[in-house]
Amino acid sequence: MPIYAYKCESCGFAKDVLQKMSDALLTDCPSCGASTFKKQLTAAGFQLKGSGWYATDFKGGASVTAPETATPPDSASPVASPAVGAKPSDSSPAKSVAAPTAAPGSGACP
């Protein structure tokens, strides 16, 4: 059952009421007794977030596969393209850098 917000236009008394959708609207204010008790328009109690549902979100059954991209005929292996706005780098192979290790007894985790 939904919760409806009501507010009296005479005295300003506000109350949330649990009602069936088929129940009649309340009109009499429980505080002042005036017949100006009106249902308020309120925001939904949930939010939809995220990127949504896609055909690839579920495993099994009839699934839709993504089209394969063609590789250029002059390249033998796939090469990652640089990010947009990235500076071009030289063509030398990447150098391996070892992570610094903590001195024994320093309290740092290895």
Protein backbone atom coordinates (compact mmCIF):
# COMPACT_ATOMS: atom_id res chain seq x y z
CA MET A 1 0.00 0.00 0.00
CA PRO A 2 1.32 3.44 -0.87
CA ILE A 3 1.95 6.24 1.59
CA TYR A 4 0.33 9.56 0.69
CA ALA A 5 1.30 12.96 2.08
CA TYR A 6 -1.59 15.23 3.10
CA LYS A 7 -1.52 18.87 4.20
CA CYS A 8 -4.25 21.15 5.53
CA GLU A 9 -4.53 24.41 3.59
CA SER A 10 -6.13 26.14 6.62
CA CYS A 11 -3.81 25.34 9.52
CA GLY A 12 -0.77 23.84 7.73
CA PHE A 13 -1.01 20.47 9.53
CA ALA A 14 0.81 17.76 7.54
CA LYS A 15 0.49 13.99 7.84
CA ASP A 16 1.61 10.89 5.91
CA VAL A 17 -1.19 8.35 5.52
CA LEU A 18 -0.95 4.68 4.50
CA GLN A 19 -3.89 4.06 2.14
CA LYS A 20 -5.04 1.70 -0.56
CA MET A 21 -5.14 3.19 -4.02
CA SER A 22 -8.88 2.50 -4.09
CA ASP A 23 -9.56 4.33 -0.79
CA ALA A 24 -11.35 7.67 -0.91
CA LEU A 25 -9.24 10.80 -0.46
CA LEU A 26 -9.18 12.35 3.01
CA THR A 27 -10.77 15.80 3.15
CA ASP A 28 -11.22 16.63 6.85
CA CYS A 29 -8.16 17.83 8.75
CA PRO A 30 -7.58 15.80 11.95
CA SER A 31 -6.09 18.91 13.63
CA CYS A 32 -8.53 21.76 12.92
CA GLY A 33 -11.49 19.84 11.43
CA ALA A 34 -11.66 22.01 8.28
CA SER A 35 -12.42 20.31 4.99
CA THR A 36 -9.23 21.64 3.36
CA PHE A 37 -7.06 18.52 3.86
CA LYS A 38 -5.43 17.95 0.44
CA LYS A 39 -3.18 15.22 -0.94
CA GLN A 40 0.29 16.55 -1.84
CA LEU A 41 2.39 15.70 -4.87
CA THR A 42 5.61 14.07 -3.63
CA ALA A 43 8.73 12.55 -5.16
CA ALA A 44 8.98 8.81 -5.80
CA GLY A 45 10.53 6.71 -3.05
CA PHE A 46 13.14 5.15 -5.34
CA GLN A 47 15.70 6.23 -7.90
CA LEU A 48 16.94 4.45 -10.98
CA LYS A 49 20.71 4.68 -11.28
CA GLY A 50 23.30 3.11 -13.49
CA SER A 51 23.67 2.43 -17.16
CA GLY A 52 20.58 0.26 -17.49
CA TRP A 53 19.92 -3.28 -18.70
CA TYR A 54 21.35 -4.64 -21.88
CA ALA A 55 20.98 -7.86 -23.83
CA THR A 56 24.53 -8.79 -22.78
CA ASP A 57 23.75 -8.53 -19.05
CA PHE A 58 22.30 -12.03 -18.85
CA LYS A 59 24.16 -15.25 -19.55
CA GLY A 60 22.57 -18.13 -21.45
CA GLY A 61 19.45 -18.33 -23.53
CA ALA A 62 19.13 -16.34 -26.72
CA SER A 63 21.87 -13.77 -26.54
CA VAL A 64 22.85 -10.97 -28.84
CA THR A 65 26.53 -10.83 -29.72
CA ALA A 66 28.43 -7.66 -30.51
CA PRO A 67 29.65 -7.27 -34.08
CA GLU A 68 33.33 -8.03 -34.54
CA THR A 69 35.57 -5.18 -35.60
CA ALA A 70 37.82 -5.72 -38.59
CA THR A 71 41.56 -5.23 -38.08
CA PRO A 72 43.55 -3.34 -40.69
CA PRO A 73 45.25 -5.72 -43.16
CA ASP A 74 48.75 -4.24 -42.56
CA SER A 75 48.85 -5.02 -38.82
CA ALA A 76 49.67 -8.52 -37.64
CA SER A 77 48.67 -8.00 -34.01
CA PRO A 78 46.14 -5.70 -32.36
CA VAL A 79 47.62 -2.45 -31.05
CA ALA A 80 45.93 -0.35 -28.40
CA SER A 81 45.18 3.15 -29.59
CA PRO A 82 46.25 6.07 -27.36
CA ALA A 83 43.63 7.83 -25.28
CA VAL A 84 42.07 10.99 -26.64
CA GLY A 85 44.25 13.96 -25.74
CA ALA A 86 47.23 11.74 -24.80
CA LYS A 87 50.69 12.83 -25.87
CA PRO A 88 52.34 10.62 -28.49
CA SER A 89 55.11 8.51 -26.99
CA ASP A 90 58.28 7.23 -28.57
CA SER A 91 58.24 3.75 -30.08
CA SER A 92 60.75 2.29 -27.61
CA PRO A 93 59.61 -0.72 -25.57
CA ALA A 94 58.18 -0.01 -22.12
CA LYS A 95 60.63 -0.22 -19.26
CA SER A 96 59.79 -2.33 -16.23
CA VAL A 97 59.94 -0.41 -12.96
CA ALA A 98 60.19 -2.36 -9.71
CA ALA A 99 57.98 -1.25 -6.82
CA PRO A 100 59.88 0.10 -3.81
CA THR A 101 60.09 -2.30 -0.92
CA ALA A 102 59.73 -1.35 2.72
CA ALA A 103 62.67 -1.66 5.08
CA PRO A 104 62.39 -4.52 7.62
CA GLY A 105 60.81 -3.34 10.86
CA SER A 106 59.31 -0.19 9.30
CA GLY A 107 55.74 -1.39 9.92
CA ALA A 108 54.71 -1.22 6.28
CA CYS A 109 53.14 -4.24 4.64
CA PRO A 110 55.19 -5.81 1.81
